[in-house]
Amino acid sequence: GFAVDAPTLTRFFALHFLLPFIISALAIIHLIFLHETGSNNPLGLTSDCDKIPFHPYYTTKDLFGAMVFLFSFSAIMLLTPQMFTDPENYIPANPLLTPVHI
C-alpha cells in the first residue's frame, strides 16, 4: 500500500527548504530587470510628472504606518492584556492537587 516513508519526507523537506531561496532569487532577478528596463504603461504614455521620489515621501509614509501599528499594538497589549492570555492563568494554583491532564 501507500506509505509516506523516508524518501518522500526527504524530498518534501528539500522542496520546502529550497523553495524560499528559489522564490527570493526570482524576485531579485525580477527587480533587477524592472530596474534596468523600467515598467510598462498600458496606455503607452510616458510622463515624468507622475513620478514621486522614494526617499522623502515613501519612507516617511512607511515610518508613519509602522509607528501607528506599533502604537496600536502596544496600546492593546498594555491596556487589555487579558485579551490574549489563557483564562486558566487566573485560577490560583493548588500545591496539593495534581492537575487531571498530567
PDB file of N, CA and C in Angstrom:
ATOM      1  N   GLY A   1       0.800  -1.182   0.000  1.00  0.00           N
ATOM      2  CA  GLY A   1       0.000   0.000   0.000  1.00  0.00           C
ATOM      3  C   GLY A   1       0.853   1.260   0.000  1.00  0.00           C
ATOM      4  N   PHE A   2       0.187   2.382   0.028  1.00  0.00           N
ATOM      5  CA  PHE A   2       0.879   3.668   0.007  1.00  0.00           C
ATOM      6  C   PHE A   2       1.288   4.058   1.418  1.00  0.00           C
ATOM      7  N   ALA A   3       2.513   4.494   1.529  1.00  0.00           N
ATOM      8  CA  ALA A   3       3.016   4.959   2.823  1.00  0.00           C
ATOM      9  C   ALA A   3       3.970   6.115   2.592  1.00  0.00           C
ATOM     10  N   VAL A   4       3.953   7.044   3.503  1.00  0.00           N
ATOM     11  CA  VAL A   4       4.888   8.158   3.450  1.00  0.00           C
ATOM     12  C   VAL A   4       6.136   7.721   4.199  1.00  0.00           C
ATOM     13  N   ASP A   5       7.182   7.418   3.430  1.00  0.00           N
ATOM     14  CA  ASP A   5       8.422   6.916   4.020  1.00  0.00           C
ATOM     15  C   ASP A   5       9.505   7.979   3.947  1.00  0.00           C
ATOM     16  N   ALA A   6      10.712   7.566   4.246  1.00  0.00           N
ATOM     17  CA  ALA A   6      11.853   8.481   4.294  1.00  0.00           C
ATOM     18  C   ALA A   6      12.115   9.192   2.966  1.00  0.00           C
ATOM     19  N   PRO A   7      12.062   8.504   1.791  1.00  0.00           N
ATOM     20  CA  PRO A   7      12.325   9.250   0.542  1.00  0.00           C
ATOM     21  C   PRO A   7      11.321  10.376   0.293  1.00  0.00           C
ATOM     22  N   THR A   8      10.047  10.120   0.583  1.00  0.00           N
ATOM     23  CA  THR A   8       9.032  11.155   0.382  1.00  0.00           C
ATOM     24  C   THR A   8       9.258  12.326   1.328  1.00  0.00           C
ATOM     25  N   LEU A   9       9.532  12.027   2.579  1.00  0.00           N
ATOM     26  CA  LEU A   9       9.772  13.094   3.549  1.00  0.00           C
ATOM     27  C   LEU A   9      11.031  13.880   3.219  1.00  0.00           C
ATOM     28  N   THR A  10      12.066  13.184   2.732  1.00  0.00           N
ATOM     29  CA  THR A  10      13.305  13.868   2.353  1.00  0.00           C
ATOM     30  C   THR A  10      13.062  14.819   1.191  1.00  0.00           C
ATOM     31  N   ARG A  11      12.335  14.344   0.183  1.00  0.00           N
ATOM     32  CA  ARG A  11      12.033  15.213  -0.966  1.00  0.00           C
ATOM     33  C   ARG A  11      11.160  16.397  -0.550  1.00  0.00           C
ATOM     34  N   PHE A  12      10.185  16.131   0.301  1.00  0.00           N
ATOM     35  CA  PHE A  12       9.296  17.190   0.771  1.00  0.00           C
ATOM     36  C   PHE A  12      10.073  18.230   1.572  1.00  0.00           C
ATOM     37  N   PHE A  13      10.971  17.769   2.433  1.00  0.00           N
ATOM     38  CA  PHE A  13      11.797  18.694   3.205  1.00  0.00           C
ATOM     39  C   PHE A  13      12.717  19.495   2.287  1.00  0.00           C
ATOM     40  N   ALA A  14      13.331  18.822   1.308  1.00  0.00           N
ATOM     41  CA  ALA A  14      14.219  19.517   0.372  1.00  0.00           C
ATOM     42  C   ALA A  14      13.448  20.569  -0.418  1.00  0.00           C
ATOM     43  N   LEU A  15      12.231  20.220  -0.849  1.00  0.00           N
ATOM     44  CA  LEU A  15      11.411  21.186  -1.586  1.00  0.00           C
ATOM     45  C   LEU A  15      11.090  22.400  -0.723  1.00  0.00           C
ATOM     46  N   HIS A  16      10.700  22.167   0.522  1.00  0.00           N
ATOM     47  CA  HIS A  16      10.335  23.280   1.391  1.00  0.00           C
ATOM     48  C   HIS A  16      11.544  24.069   1.876  1.00  0.00           C
ATOM     49  N   PHE A  17      12.708  23.460   1.839  1.00  0.00           N
ATOM     50  CA  PHE A  17      13.916  24.200   2.188  1.00  0.00           C
ATOM     51  C   PHE A  17      14.382  25.053   1.016  1.00  0.00           C
ATOM     52  N   LEU A  18      14.314  24.518  -0.203  1.00  0.00           N
ATOM     53  CA  LEU A  18      14.844  25.223  -1.368  1.00  0.00           C
ATOM     54  C   LEU A  18      13.865  26.233  -1.961  1.00  0.00           C
ATOM     55  N   LEU A  19      12.571  26.004  -1.800  1.00  0.00           N
ATOM     56  CA  LEU A  19      11.580  26.873  -2.436  1.00  0.00           C
ATOM     57  C   LEU A  19      11.696  28.346  -2.038  1.00  0.00           C
ATOM     58  N   PRO A  20      11.900  28.716  -0.780  1.00  0.00           N
ATOM     59  CA  PRO A  20      12.057  30.148  -0.464  1.00  0.00           C
ATOM     60  C   PRO A  20      13.271  30.786  -1.132  1.00  0.00           C
ATOM     61  N   PHE A  21      14.367  30.028  -1.250  1.00  0.00           N
ATOM     62  CA  PHE A  21      15.550  30.572  -1.913  1.00  0.00           C
ATOM     63  C   PHE A  21      15.289  30.781  -3.400  1.00  0.00           C
ATOM     64  N   ILE A  22      14.585  29.844  -4.017  1.00  0.00           N
ATOM     65  CA  ILE A  22      14.263  29.977  -5.438  1.00  0.00           C
ATOM     66  C   ILE A  22      13.338  31.170  -5.658  1.00  0.00           C
ATOM     67  N   ILE A  23      12.324  31.319  -4.820  1.00  0.00           N
ATOM     68  CA  ILE A  23      11.394  32.444  -4.957  1.00  0.00           C
ATOM     69  C   ILE A  23      12.113  33.770  -4.709  1.00  0.00           C
ATOM     70  N   SER A  24      13.012  33.812  -3.731  1.00  0.00           N
ATOM     71  CA  SER A  24      13.778  35.038  -3.469  1.00  0.00           C
ATOM     72  C   SER A  24      14.674  35.383  -4.646  1.00  0.00           C
ATOM     73  N   ALA A  25      15.326  34.376  -5.231  1.00  0.00           N
ATOM     74  CA  ALA A  25      16.186  34.621  -6.390  1.00  0.00           C
ATOM     75  C   ALA A  25      15.367  35.147  -7.563  1.00  0.00           C
ATOM     76  N   LEU A  26      14.204  34.565  -7.806  1.00  0.00           N
ATOM     77  CA  LEU A  26      13.354  35.050  -8.894  1.00  0.00           C
ATOM     78  C   LEU A  26      12.863  36.472  -8.631  1.00  0.00           C
ATOM     79  N   ALA A  27      12.555  36.796  -7.392  1.00  0.00           N
ATOM     80  CA  ALA A  27      12.122  38.160  -7.067  1.00  0.00           C
ATOM     81  C   ALA A  27      13.254  39.156  -7.287  1.00  0.00           C
ATOM     82  N   ILE A  28      14.473  38.779  -6.913  1.00  0.00           N
ATOM     83  CA  ILE A  28      15.620  39.671  -7.123  1.00  0.00           C
ATOM     84  C   ILE A  28      15.883  39.863  -8.607  1.00  0.00           C
ATOM     85  N   ILE A  29      15.823  38.775  -9.382  1.00  0.00           N
ATOM     86  CA  ILE A  29      16.007  38.887 -10.836  1.00  0.00           C
ATOM     87  C   ILE A  29      14.917  39.775 -11.432  1.00  0.00           C
ATOM     88  N   HIS A  30      13.693  39.612 -10.973  1.00  0.00           N
ATOM     89  CA  HIS A  30      12.591  40.447 -11.450  1.00  0.00           C
ATOM     90  C   HIS A  30      12.853  41.923 -11.147  1.00  0.00           C
ATOM     91  N   LEU A  31      13.313  42.228  -9.937  1.00  0.00           N
ATOM     92  CA  LEU A  31      13.595  43.621  -9.583  1.00  0.00           C
ATOM     93  C   LEU A  31      14.753  44.187 -10.394  1.00  0.00           C
ATOM     94  N   ILE A  32      15.757  43.363 -10.675  1.00  0.00           N
ATOM     95  CA  ILE A  32      16.880  43.828 -11.498  1.00  0.00           C
ATOM     96  C   ILE A  32      16.395  44.179 -12.896  1.00  0.00           C
ATOM     97  N   PHE A  33      15.601  43.287 -13.514  1.00  0.00           N
ATOM     98  CA  PHE A  33      15.077  43.580 -14.848  1.00  0.00           C
ATOM     99  C   PHE A  33      14.155  44.795 -14.830  1.00  0.00           C
ATOM    100  N   LEU A  34      13.348  44.916 -13.800  1.00  0.00           N
ATOM    101  CA  LEU A  34      12.449  46.061 -13.692  1.00  0.00           C
ATOM    102  C   LEU A  34      13.237  47.356 -13.530  1.00  0.00           C
ATOM    103  N   HIS A  35      14.329  47.306 -12.777  1.00  0.00           N
ATOM    104  CA  HIS A  35      15.148  48.493 -12.569  1.00  0.00           C
ATOM    105  C   HIS A  35      15.875  48.894 -13.849  1.00  0.00           C
ATOM    106  N   GLU A  36      16.336  47.911 -14.619  1.00  0.00           N
ATOM    107  CA  GLU A  36      17.089  48.221 -15.838  1.00  0.00           C
ATOM    108  C   GLU A  36      16.189  48.710 -16.966  1.00  0.00           C
ATOM    109  N   THR A  37      15.056  48.059 -17.164  1.00  0.00           N
ATOM    110  CA  THR A  37      14.225  48.398 -18.316  1.00  0.00           C
ATOM    111  C   THR A  37      13.084  49.341 -17.977  1.00  0.00           C
ATOM    112  N   GLY A  38      12.690  49.395 -16.739  1.00  0.00           N
ATOM    113  CA  GLY A  38      11.550  50.221 -16.358  1.00  0.00           C
ATOM    114  C   GLY A  38      10.260  49.454 -16.553  1.00  0.00           C
ATOM    115  N   SER A  39       9.194  49.977 -16.006  1.00  0.00           N
ATOM    116  CA  SER A  39       7.909  49.291 -16.124  1.00  0.00           C
ATOM    117  C   SER A  39       7.158  49.798 -17.344  1.00  0.00           C
ATOM    118  N   ASN A  40       6.198  49.009 -17.776  1.00  0.00           N
ATOM    119  CA  ASN A  40       5.387  49.375 -18.930  1.00  0.00           C
ATOM    120  C   ASN A  40       4.149  50.122 -18.491  1.00  0.00           C
ATOM    121  N   ASN A  41       3.728  51.016 -19.336  1.00  0.00           N
ATOM    122  CA  ASN A  41       2.481  51.719 -19.132  1.00  0.00           C
ATOM    123  C   ASN A  41       1.507  51.201 -20.181  1.00  0.00           C
ATOM    124  N   PRO A  42       0.357  50.663 -19.802  1.00  0.00           N
ATOM    125  CA  PRO A  42      -0.559  50.112 -20.799  1.00  0.00           C
ATOM    126  C   PRO A  42      -1.091  51.155 -21.776  1.00  0.00           C
ATOM    127  N   LEU A  43      -1.085  52.418 -21.380  1.00  0.00           N
ATOM    128  CA  LEU A  43      -1.562  53.467 -22.280  1.00  0.00           C
ATOM    129  C   LEU A  43      -0.493  53.907 -23.261  1.00  0.00           C
ATOM    130  N   GLY A  44       0.750  53.595 -22.980  1.00  0.00           N
ATOM    131  CA  GLY A  44       1.836  53.973 -23.866  1.00  0.00           C
ATOM    132  C   GLY A  44       2.320  55.390 -23.671  1.00  0.00           C
ATOM    133  N   LEU A  45       1.803  56.097 -22.695  1.00  0.00           N
ATOM    134  CA  LEU A  45       2.217  57.471 -22.445  1.00  0.00           C
ATOM    135  C   LEU A  45       3.375  57.478 -21.465  1.00  0.00           C
ATOM    136  N   THR A  46       4.355  58.282 -21.744  1.00  0.00           N
ATOM    137  CA  THR A  46       5.468  58.421 -20.814  1.00  0.00           C
ATOM    138  C   THR A  46       5.497  59.854 -20.314  1.00  0.00           C
ATOM    139  N   SER A  47       5.391  60.008 -19.019  1.00  0.00           N
ATOM    140  CA  SER A  47       5.463  61.342 -18.435  1.00  0.00           C
ATOM    141  C   SER A  47       6.239  61.253 -17.135  1.00  0.00           C
ATOM    142  N   ASP A  48       7.132  62.191 -16.934  1.00  0.00           N
ATOM    143  CA  ASP A  48       7.930  62.220 -15.725  1.00  0.00           C
ATOM    144  C   ASP A  48       7.246  62.980 -14.594  1.00  0.00           C
ATOM    145  N   CYS A  49       6.132  63.645 -14.886  1.00  0.00           N
ATOM    146  CA  CYS A  49       5.474  64.430 -13.844  1.00  0.00           C
ATOM    147  C   CYS A  49       4.744  63.540 -12.835  1.00  0.00           C
ATOM    148  N   ASP A  50       4.472  62.284 -13.194  1.00  0.00           N
ATOM    149  CA  ASP A  50       3.777  61.383 -12.273  1.00  0.00           C
ATOM    150  C   ASP A  50       4.722  60.700 -11.301  1.00  0.00           C
ATOM    151  N   LYS A  51       6.013  60.826 -11.504  1.00  0.00           N
ATOM    152  CA  LYS A  51       6.973  60.134 -10.655  1.00  0.00           C
ATOM    153  C   LYS A  51       7.181  60.897  -9.348  1.00  0.00           C
ATOM    154  N   ILE A  52       7.202  60.149  -8.259  1.00  0.00           N
ATOM    155  CA  ILE A  52       7.421  60.724  -6.933  1.00  0.00           C
ATOM    156  C   ILE A  52       8.705  60.124  -6.389  1.00  0.00           C
ATOM    157  N   PRO A  53       9.627  60.936  -5.878  1.00  0.00           N
ATOM    158  CA  PRO A  53      10.852  60.366  -5.316  1.00  0.00           C
ATOM    159  C   PRO A  53      10.553  59.504  -4.093  1.00  0.00           C
ATOM    160  N   PHE A  54      11.300  58.414  -3.969  1.00  0.00           N
ATOM    161  CA  PHE A  54      11.026  57.432  -2.920  1.00  0.00           C
ATOM    162  C   PHE A  54      11.364  57.964  -1.540  1.00  0.00           C
ATOM    163  N   HIS A  55      12.570  58.543  -1.392  1.00  0.00           N
ATOM    164  CA  HIS A  55      13.092  58.787  -0.042  1.00  0.00           C
ATOM    165  C   HIS A  55      12.257  59.722   0.823  1.00  0.00           C
ATOM    166  N   PRO A  56      12.009  60.937   0.459  1.00  0.00           N
ATOM    167  CA  PRO A  56      11.323  61.727   1.481  1.00  0.00           C
ATOM    168  C   PRO A  56       9.856  61.333   1.655  1.00  0.00           C
ATOM    169  N   TYR A  57       9.201  60.865   0.595  1.00  0.00           N
ATOM    170  CA  TYR A  57       7.759  60.650   0.676  1.00  0.00           C
ATOM    171  C   TYR A  57       7.398  59.251   1.176  1.00  0.00           C
ATOM    172  N   TYR A  58       7.913  58.230   0.520  1.00  0.00           N
ATOM    173  CA  TYR A  58       7.508  56.872   0.887  1.00  0.00           C
ATOM    174  C   TYR A  58       8.158  56.396   2.178  1.00  0.00           C
ATOM    175  N   THR A  59       9.375  56.835   2.458  1.00  0.00           N
ATOM    176  CA  THR A  59       9.973  56.437   3.738  1.00  0.00           C
ATOM    177  C   THR A  59       9.207  57.078   4.897  1.00  0.00           C
ATOM    178  N   THR A  60       8.798  58.318   4.737  1.00  0.00           N
ATOM    179  CA  THR A  60       8.002  58.973   5.777  1.00  0.00           C
ATOM    180  C   THR A  60       6.657  58.274   5.940  1.00  0.00           C
ATOM    181  N   LYS A  61       6.046  57.929   4.822  1.00  0.00           N
ATOM    182  CA  LYS A  61       4.754  57.240   4.861  1.00  0.00           C
ATOM    183  C   LYS A  61       4.890  55.875   5.524  1.00  0.00           C
ATOM    184  N   ASP A  62       5.935  55.115   5.182  1.00  0.00           N
ATOM    185  CA  ASP A  62       6.142  53.797   5.780  1.00  0.00           C
ATOM    186  C   ASP A  62       6.471  53.901   7.263  1.00  0.00           C
ATOM    187  N   LEU A  63       7.290  54.875   7.637  1.00  0.00           N
ATOM    188  CA  LEU A  63       7.605  55.055   9.053  1.00  0.00           C
ATOM    189  C   LEU A  63       6.359  55.452   9.849  1.00  0.00           C
ATOM    190  N   PHE A  64       5.527  56.295   9.266  1.00  0.00           N
ATOM    191  CA  PHE A  64       4.283  56.675   9.936  1.00  0.00           C
ATOM    192  C   PHE A  64       3.374  55.463  10.123  1.00  0.00           C
ATOM    193  N   GLY A  65       3.253  54.632   9.091  1.00  0.00           N
ATOM    194  CA  GLY A  65       2.442  53.419   9.201  1.00  0.00           C
ATOM    195  C   GLY A  65       2.986  52.467  10.241  1.00  0.00           C
ATOM    196  N   ALA A  66       4.308  52.310  10.299  1.00  0.00           N
ATOM    197  CA  ALA A  66       4.920  51.438  11.302  1.00  0.00           C
ATOM    198  C   ALA A  66       4.686  51.982  12.707  1.00  0.00           C
ATOM    199  N   MET A  67       4.785  53.290  12.868  1.00  0.00           N
ATOM    200  CA  MET A  67       4.563  53.884  14.184  1.00  0.00           C
ATOM    201  C   MET A  67       3.100  53.734  14.619  1.00  0.00           C
ATOM    202  N   VAL A  68       2.159  53.907  13.699  1.00  0.00           N
ATOM    203  CA  VAL A  68       0.744  53.717  14.029  1.00  0.00           C
ATOM    204  C   VAL A  68       0.500  52.273  14.447  1.00  0.00           C
ATOM    205  N   PHE A  69       1.094  51.318  13.710  1.00  0.00           N
ATOM    206  CA  PHE A  69       0.931  49.909  14.070  1.00  0.00           C
ATOM    207  C   PHE A  69       1.524  49.628  15.444  1.00  0.00           C
ATOM    208  N   LEU A  70       2.752  50.094  15.689  1.00  0.00           N
ATOM    209  CA  LEU A  70       3.388  49.836  16.977  1.00  0.00           C
ATOM    210  C   LEU A  70       2.620  50.489  18.126  1.00  0.00           C
ATOM    211  N   PHE A  71       2.121  51.693  17.916  1.00  0.00           N
ATOM    212  CA  PHE A  71       1.331  52.357  18.951  1.00  0.00           C
ATOM    213  C   PHE A  71       0.043  51.586  19.232  1.00  0.00           C
ATOM    214  N   SER A  72      -0.651  51.179  18.166  1.00  0.00           N
ATOM    215  CA  SER A  72      -1.900  50.435  18.347  1.00  0.00           C
ATOM    216  C   SER A  72      -1.645  49.100  19.031  1.00  0.00           C
ATOM    217  N   PHE A  73      -0.624  48.380  18.587  1.00  0.00           N
ATOM    218  CA  PHE A  73      -0.297  47.081  19.175  1.00  0.00           C
ATOM    219  C   PHE A  73       0.096  47.234  20.637  1.00  0.00           C
ATOM    220  N   SER A  74       0.923  48.240  20.930  1.00  0.00           N
ATOM    221  CA  SER A  74       1.335  48.469  22.318  1.00  0.00           C
ATOM    222  C   SER A  74       0.146  48.857  23.186  1.00  0.00           C
ATOM    223  N   ALA A  75      -0.729  49.697  22.671  1.00  0.00           N
ATOM    224  CA  ALA A  75      -1.896  50.109  23.449  1.00  0.00           C
ATOM    225  C   ALA A  75      -2.788  48.910  23.755  1.00  0.00           C
ATOM    226  N   ILE A  76      -3.011  48.062  22.775  1.00  0.00           N
ATOM    227  CA  ILE A  76      -3.852  46.882  23.012  1.00  0.00           C
ATOM    228  C   ILE A  76      -3.191  45.951  24.017  1.00  0.00           C
ATOM    229  N   MET A  77      -1.896  45.714  23.870  1.00  0.00           N
ATOM    230  CA  MET A  77      -1.211  44.772  24.758  1.00  0.00           C
ATOM    231  C   MET A  77      -1.070  45.319  26.179  1.00  0.00           C
ATOM    232  N   LEU A  78      -0.899  46.627  26.326  1.00  0.00           N
ATOM    233  CA  LEU A  78      -0.721  47.193  27.660  1.00  0.00           C
ATOM    234  C   LEU A  78      -2.041  47.477  28.366  1.00  0.00           C
ATOM    235  N   LEU A  79      -3.079  47.815  27.612  1.00  0.00           N
ATOM    236  CA  LEU A  79      -4.348  48.176  28.234  1.00  0.00           C
ATOM    237  C   LEU A  79      -5.277  46.981  28.438  1.00  0.00           C
ATOM    238  N   THR A  80      -5.201  45.982  27.564  1.00  0.00           N
ATOM    239  CA  THR A  80      -6.063  44.799  27.699  1.00  0.00           C
ATOM    240  C   THR A  80      -5.244  43.523  27.532  1.00  0.00           C
ATOM    241  N   PRO A  81      -4.347  43.221  28.469  1.00  0.00           N
ATOM    242  CA  PRO A  81      -3.525  42.016  28.311  1.00  0.00           C
ATOM    243  C   PRO A  81      -4.325  40.728  28.451  1.00  0.00           C
ATOM    244  N   GLN A  82      -5.457  40.765  29.151  1.00  0.00           N
ATOM    245  CA  GLN A  82      -6.252  39.557  29.328  1.00  0.00           C
ATOM    246  C   GLN A  82      -6.877  39.081  28.016  1.00  0.00           C
ATOM    247  N   MET A  83      -6.878  39.934  27.015  1.00  0.00           N
ATOM    248  CA  MET A  83      -7.449  39.566  25.729  1.00  0.00           C
ATOM    249  C   MET A  83      -6.654  38.438  25.058  1.00  0.00           C
ATOM    250  N   PHE A  84      -5.359  38.337  25.345  1.00  0.00           N
ATOM    251  CA  PHE A  84      -4.503  37.383  24.656  1.00  0.00           C
ATOM    252  C   PHE A  84      -3.951  36.294  25.572  1.00  0.00           C
ATOM    253  N   THR A  85      -4.418  36.207  26.802  1.00  0.00           N
ATOM    254  CA  THR A  85      -3.898  35.192  27.707  1.00  0.00           C
ATOM    255  C   THR A  85      -4.934  34.100  27.916  1.00  0.00           C
ATOM    256  N   ASP A  86      -4.477  32.971  28.430  1.00  0.00           N
ATOM    257  CA  ASP A  86      -5.343  31.839  28.711  1.00  0.00           C
ATOM    258  C   ASP A  86      -6.124  32.113  29.994  1.00  0.00           C
ATOM    259  N   PRO A  87      -7.432  31.878  29.990  1.00  0.00           N
ATOM    260  CA  PRO A  87      -8.225  32.149  31.204  1.00  0.00           C
ATOM    261  C   PRO A  87      -7.795  31.303  32.397  1.00  0.00           C
ATOM    262  N   GLU A  88      -7.191  30.146  32.155  1.00  0.00           N
ATOM    263  CA  GLU A  88      -6.768  29.296  33.270  1.00  0.00           C
ATOM    264  C   GLU A  88      -5.587  29.887  34.031  1.00  0.00           C
ATOM    265  N   ASN A  89      -4.938  30.877  33.475  1.00  0.00           N
ATOM    266  CA  ASN A  89      -3.833  31.525  34.190  1.00  0.00           C
ATOM    267  C   ASN A  89      -4.318  32.296  35.415  1.00  0.00           C
ATOM    268  N   TYR A  90      -5.612  32.617  35.468  1.00  0.00           N
ATOM    269  CA  TYR A  90      -6.144  33.384  36.586  1.00  0.00           C
ATOM    270  C   TYR A  90      -6.642  32.497  37.727  1.00  0.00           C
ATOM    271  N   ILE A  91      -6.616  31.169  37.523  1.00  0.00           N
ATOM    272  CA  ILE A  91      -7.022  30.244  38.585  1.00  0.00           C
ATOM    273  C   ILE A  91      -5.832  30.038  39.515  1.00  0.00           C
ATOM    274  N   PRO A  92      -5.999  30.257  40.805  1.00  0.00           N
ATOM    275  CA  PRO A  92      -4.869  30.069  41.725  1.00  0.00           C
ATOM    276  C   PRO A  92      -4.436  28.600  41.751  1.00  0.00           C
ATOM    277  N   ALA A  93      -3.136  28.387  41.813  1.00  0.00           N
ATOM    278  CA  ALA A  93      -2.598  27.028  41.821  1.00  0.00           C
ATOM    279  C   ALA A  93      -2.794  26.393  43.190  1.00  0.00           C
ATOM    280  N   ASN A  94      -3.126  25.106  43.174  1.00  0.00           N
ATOM    281  CA  ASN A  94      -3.269  24.337  44.407  1.00  0.00           C
ATOM    282  C   ASN A  94      -2.070  23.394  44.508  1.00  0.00           C
ATOM    283  N   PRO A  95      -1.146  23.617  45.438  1.00  0.00           N
ATOM    284  CA  PRO A  95       0.051  22.769  45.506  1.00  0.00           C
ATOM    285  C   PRO A  95      -0.240  21.346  45.976  1.00  0.00           C
ATOM    286  N   LEU A  96      -1.425  21.083  46.494  1.00  0.00           N
ATOM    287  CA  LEU A  96      -1.755  19.744  46.988  1.00  0.00           C
ATOM    288  C   LEU A  96      -2.530  18.910  45.975  1.00  0.00           C
ATOM    289  N   LEU A  97      -2.858  19.476  44.826  1.00  0.00           N
ATOM    290  CA  LEU A  97      -3.675  18.775  43.839  1.00  0.00           C
ATOM    291  C   LEU A  97      -2.950  18.735  42.500  1.00  0.00           C
ATOM    292  N   THR A  98      -2.790  17.529  41.964  1.00  0.00           N
ATOM    293  CA  THR A  98      -2.181  17.376  40.647  1.00  0.00           C
ATOM    294  C   THR A  98      -3.261  17.587  39.589  1.00  0.00           C
ATOM    295  N   PRO A  99      -2.983  18.377  38.551  1.00  0.00           N
ATOM    296  CA  PRO A  99      -3.991  18.582  37.502  1.00  0.00           C
ATOM    297  C   PRO A  99      -4.337  17.271  36.798  1.00  0.00           C
ATOM    298  N   VAL A 100      -5.538  17.213  36.248  1.00  0.00           N
ATOM    299  CA  VAL A 100      -6.042  15.995  35.622  1.00  0.00           C
ATOM    300  C   VAL A 100      -5.242  15.634  34.378  1.00  0.00           C
ATOM    301  N   HIS A 101      -4.797  16.615  33.621  1.00  0.00           N
ATOM    302  CA  HIS A 101      -4.133  16.329  32.350  1.00  0.00           C
ATOM    303  C   HIS A 101      -2.697  15.844  32.513  1.00  0.00           C
ATOM    304  N   ILE A 102      -2.170  15.798  33.740  1.00  0.00           N
ATOM    305  CA  ILE A 102      -0.792  15.325  33.939  1.00  0.00           C
ATOM    306  C   ILE A 102      -0.821  13.853  34.297  1.00  0.00           C
TER     307      ILE A 102
END
